[in-house]
Amino acid sequence: MYLIVGLGNPEKQYETTFHNLGFLAVGEAAEKLGVKFKKKECEASVAEAHVGGERVILARPVTYMNASGRAVKQLMKKYKADPSDLLVIYDDYDLPKGKLRIRMAGSAGTHNGMRSVVGEIGTQDFARIRIGIRDPEVNIPVMGYVLSQIRKEDYPLFVDACSAAADAAIRFARGEGIEAVMNAYNKNG
């Protein structure tokens, strides 16, 4: 059993903001697996798939970013998931735009959604896919930047990044192991 959670904000106005890249990536994973987000449970919109005989729950918390951990904790309890079954996908201002970084554990850094997840589930020992959003050409405060709309000229870059994140998440759900997934995607800077 695997639980793949994309972090974001549920309202339409946030749909194409940097802070919603986790939502976009998990949505792309659902599309590639041929499933839809049909039900709401545990303060999340949920889709269910089967990959290589394993049950895979894809989720988008509807708690807003800063309270994402509530939904993750509830989902883990409902589906009896261990931290080793969890993969969280989210935007990361500390990485250059469009770059992916996959890790098997680590701190939440400056990301409030991840701080919420770590705080609620009580461990940093779970897999994560970070999608870089930092643009050296943009000089606005981080909080304003993460909630700003992705520029039209950058949108294809982030579509590709979300697609790659979805592919990596599916490989994780196939049981390839997070180290193998890291080796495949943590390249080029």
Protein backbone atom coordinates (compact mmCIF):
# COMPACT_ATOMS: atom_id res chain seq x y z
CA MET A 1 0.00 0.00 0.00
CA TYR A 2 1.29 3.44 -0.92
CA LEU A 3 0.01 6.91 -0.08
CA ILE A 4 1.04 9.65 -2.52
CA VAL A 5 0.09 13.16 -1.43
CA GLY A 6 0.43 16.33 -3.49
CA LEU A 7 0.43 19.54 -1.48
CA GLY A 8 -1.48 22.62 -2.58
CA ASN A 9 -4.46 24.86 -1.97
CA PRO A 10 -7.98 23.75 -2.98
CA GLU A 11 -9.50 26.92 -4.44
CA LYS A 12 -9.56 27.65 -8.18
CA GLN A 13 -7.65 30.93 -7.72
CA TYR A 14 -4.59 28.90 -6.64
CA GLU A 15 -4.80 26.32 -9.42
CA THR A 16 -1.83 27.59 -11.45
CA THR A 17 0.31 28.99 -8.65
CA PHE A 18 3.70 27.65 -7.68
CA HIS A 19 2.30 26.41 -4.37
CA ASN A 20 -0.01 24.04 -6.27
CA LEU A 21 2.65 22.07 -8.12
CA GLY A 22 2.11 19.15 -5.73
CA PHE A 23 -1.59 19.09 -6.67
CA LEU A 24 -0.71 19.27 -10.37
CA ALA A 25 1.87 16.46 -10.11
CA VAL A 26 -0.42 14.08 -8.19
CA GLY A 27 -3.16 14.93 -10.69
CA GLU A 28 -0.82 13.98 -13.51
CA ALA A 29 -0.04 10.68 -11.71
CA ALA A 30 -3.77 9.96 -11.44
CA GLU A 31 -4.23 10.67 -15.13
CA LYS A 32 -1.33 8.37 -16.08
CA LEU A 33 -2.84 5.64 -13.89
CA GLY A 34 -6.31 6.17 -15.41
CA VAL A 35 -8.06 7.17 -12.18
CA LYS A 36 -9.97 10.25 -11.07
CA PHE A 37 -10.33 12.09 -7.78
CA LYS A 38 -13.89 10.97 -7.00
CA LYS A 39 -14.22 10.99 -3.25
CA LYS A 40 -13.53 13.25 -0.31
CA GLU A 41 -12.27 11.72 2.92
CA CYS A 42 -9.92 12.63 5.71
CA GLU A 43 -9.95 16.29 4.63
CA ALA A 44 -8.62 15.32 1.19
CA SER A 45 -9.73 14.66 -2.34
CA VAL A 46 -8.78 11.04 -3.05
CA ALA A 47 -8.26 8.73 -6.01
CA GLU A 48 -7.43 5.04 -5.76
CA ALA A 49 -5.35 2.96 -8.16
CA HIS A 50 -3.61 -0.38 -8.23
CA VAL A 51 -0.01 -0.55 -9.41
CA GLY A 52 1.74 -3.89 -9.67
CA GLY A 53 -0.84 -5.42 -7.36
CA GLU A 54 -0.38 -2.71 -4.72
CA ARG A 55 -3.13 -0.36 -3.60
CA VAL A 56 -2.15 3.26 -4.21
CA ILE A 57 -4.03 6.17 -2.65
CA LEU A 58 -3.47 9.53 -4.36
CA ALA A 59 -4.52 12.53 -2.30
CA ARG A 60 -4.83 16.30 -2.40
CA PRO A 61 -5.47 17.78 1.06
CA VAL A 62 -8.27 20.36 1.12
CA THR A 63 -7.01 21.87 4.38
CA TYR A 64 -4.93 24.54 2.62
CA MET A 65 -1.19 24.29 2.50
CA ASN A 66 -0.31 25.26 6.07
CA ALA A 67 -2.54 22.55 7.59
CA SER A 68 -1.72 19.75 5.12
CA GLY A 69 -0.42 17.54 7.90
CA ARG A 70 -3.91 17.07 9.35
CA ALA A 71 -5.09 15.36 6.18
CA VAL A 72 -1.91 13.30 5.84
CA LYS A 73 -2.18 12.06 9.43
CA GLN A 74 -5.85 11.12 8.96
CA LEU A 75 -5.13 9.31 5.68
CA MET A 76 -2.24 7.38 7.21
CA LYS A 77 -4.48 6.27 10.07
CA LYS A 78 -7.39 5.31 7.80
CA TYR A 79 -5.23 3.30 5.40
CA LYS A 80 -2.85 1.98 8.08
CA ALA A 81 0.10 3.46 6.21
CA ASP A 82 3.57 3.61 7.69
CA PRO A 83 5.91 6.53 6.96
CA SER A 84 7.77 4.21 4.56
CA ASP A 85 4.54 4.00 2.49
CA LEU A 86 4.23 7.79 2.20
CA LEU A 87 5.44 10.02 -0.63
CA VAL A 88 4.77 13.78 -0.55
CA ILE A 89 5.13 16.00 -3.63
CA TYR A 90 5.50 19.76 -3.21
CA ASP A 91 7.04 22.97 -4.54
CA ASP A 92 10.42 24.08 -3.21
CA TYR A 93 11.74 27.63 -3.38
CA ASP A 94 15.25 26.43 -2.51
CA LEU A 95 15.62 24.64 -5.87
CA PRO A 96 15.96 26.23 -9.32
CA LYS A 97 12.73 26.28 -11.32
CA GLY A 98 11.82 22.99 -12.94
CA LYS A 99 14.43 20.88 -11.10
CA LEU A 100 13.34 17.76 -9.20
CA ARG A 101 14.90 16.49 -6.00
CA ILE A 102 13.81 13.22 -4.49
CA ARG A 103 14.78 12.27 -0.97
CA MET A 104 13.94 9.41 1.38
CA ALA A 105 13.89 11.69 4.44
CA GLY A 106 14.84 15.16 5.58
CA SER A 107 13.72 18.33 7.24
CA ALA A 108 10.75 20.41 6.16
CA GLY A 109 13.04 23.34 5.44
CA THR A 110 11.14 26.60 5.00
CA HIS A 111 8.02 24.96 3.53
CA ASN A 112 5.01 25.45 5.83
CA GLY A 113 3.04 22.58 4.28
CA MET A 114 5.88 20.17 4.97
CA ARG A 115 6.32 21.59 8.46
CA SER A 116 2.67 20.72 9.05
CA VAL A 117 3.12 17.18 7.71
CA VAL A 118 6.25 16.53 9.80
CA GLY A 119 4.60 18.03 12.89
CA GLU A 120 1.41 16.01 12.55
CA ILE A 121 2.91 12.61 11.73
CA GLY A 122 5.85 13.06 14.11
CA THR A 123 8.67 12.04 11.77
CA GLN A 124 10.81 13.35 8.91
CA ASP A 125 11.47 9.82 7.69
CA PHE A 126 9.27 9.61 4.60
CA ALA A 127 9.92 10.06 0.88
CA ARG A 128 9.38 13.36 -0.85
CA ILE A 129 9.62 14.84 -4.32
CA ARG A 130 10.48 18.53 -4.40
CA ILE A 131 9.78 20.57 -7.53
CA GLY A 132 12.01 23.64 -7.78
CA ILE A 133 10.40 27.02 -8.30
CA ARG A 134 13.14 29.62 -7.62
CA ASP A 135 13.61 32.11 -10.45
CA PRO A 136 16.62 34.41 -10.06
CA GLU A 137 14.94 36.96 -12.33
CA VAL A 138 12.04 37.46 -9.91
CA ASN A 139 12.67 39.60 -6.85
CA ILE A 140 9.56 39.48 -4.66
CA PRO A 141 9.13 38.10 -1.13
CA VAL A 142 8.86 34.31 -1.00
CA MET A 143 5.29 34.32 0.38
CA GLY A 144 4.05 36.46 -2.49
CA TYR A 145 6.05 34.47 -5.02
CA VAL A 146 4.75 31.00 -4.05
CA LEU A 147 1.15 32.22 -4.36
CA SER A 148 1.75 34.00 -7.67
CA GLN A 149 0.62 32.60 -11.00
CA ILE A 150 3.20 30.69 -13.01
CA ARG A 151 4.30 32.86 -15.93
CA LYS A 152 2.96 31.74 -19.29
CA GLU A 153 6.46 31.33 -20.75
CA ASP A 154 7.45 29.07 -17.81
CA TYR A 155 4.33 26.92 -17.84
CA PRO A 156 5.74 24.22 -20.21
CA LEU A 157 8.77 23.82 -17.93
CA PHE A 158 6.53 23.17 -14.92
CA VAL A 159 4.22 20.87 -16.90
CA ASP A 160 7.30 18.78 -17.73
CA ALA A 161 8.49 18.88 -14.10
CA CYS A 162 5.07 17.75 -12.83
CA SER A 163 4.99 14.96 -15.42
CA ALA A 164 8.45 13.77 -14.33
CA ALA A 165 7.38 13.95 -10.66
CA ALA A 166 4.29 11.86 -11.52
CA ASP A 167 6.46 9.28 -13.30
CA ALA A 168 8.79 9.13 -10.29
CA ALA A 169 5.83 8.70 -7.93
CA ILE A 170 4.47 5.84 -10.05
CA ARG A 171 7.87 4.14 -10.00
CA PHE A 172 7.88 4.49 -6.20
CA ALA A 173 4.41 2.89 -6.11
CA ARG A 174 5.68 0.03 -8.28
CA GLY A 175 8.02 -0.80 -5.41
CA GLU A 176 11.22 0.19 -7.20
CA GLY A 177 12.52 1.69 -3.97
CA ILE A 178 13.16 5.34 -3.29
CA GLU A 179 16.93 4.98 -3.85
CA ALA A 180 16.41 3.70 -7.40
CA VAL A 181 13.95 6.52 -8.07
CA MET A 182 16.42 9.05 -6.64
CA ASN A 183 19.19 7.73 -8.89
CA ALA A 184 16.95 8.04 -11.93
CA TYR A 185 15.71 11.60 -11.29
CA ASN A 186 18.26 13.46 -9.15
CA LYS A 187 20.43 14.56 -12.06
CA ASN A 188 21.59 17.72 -13.76
CA GLY A 189 22.16 20.18 -10.96
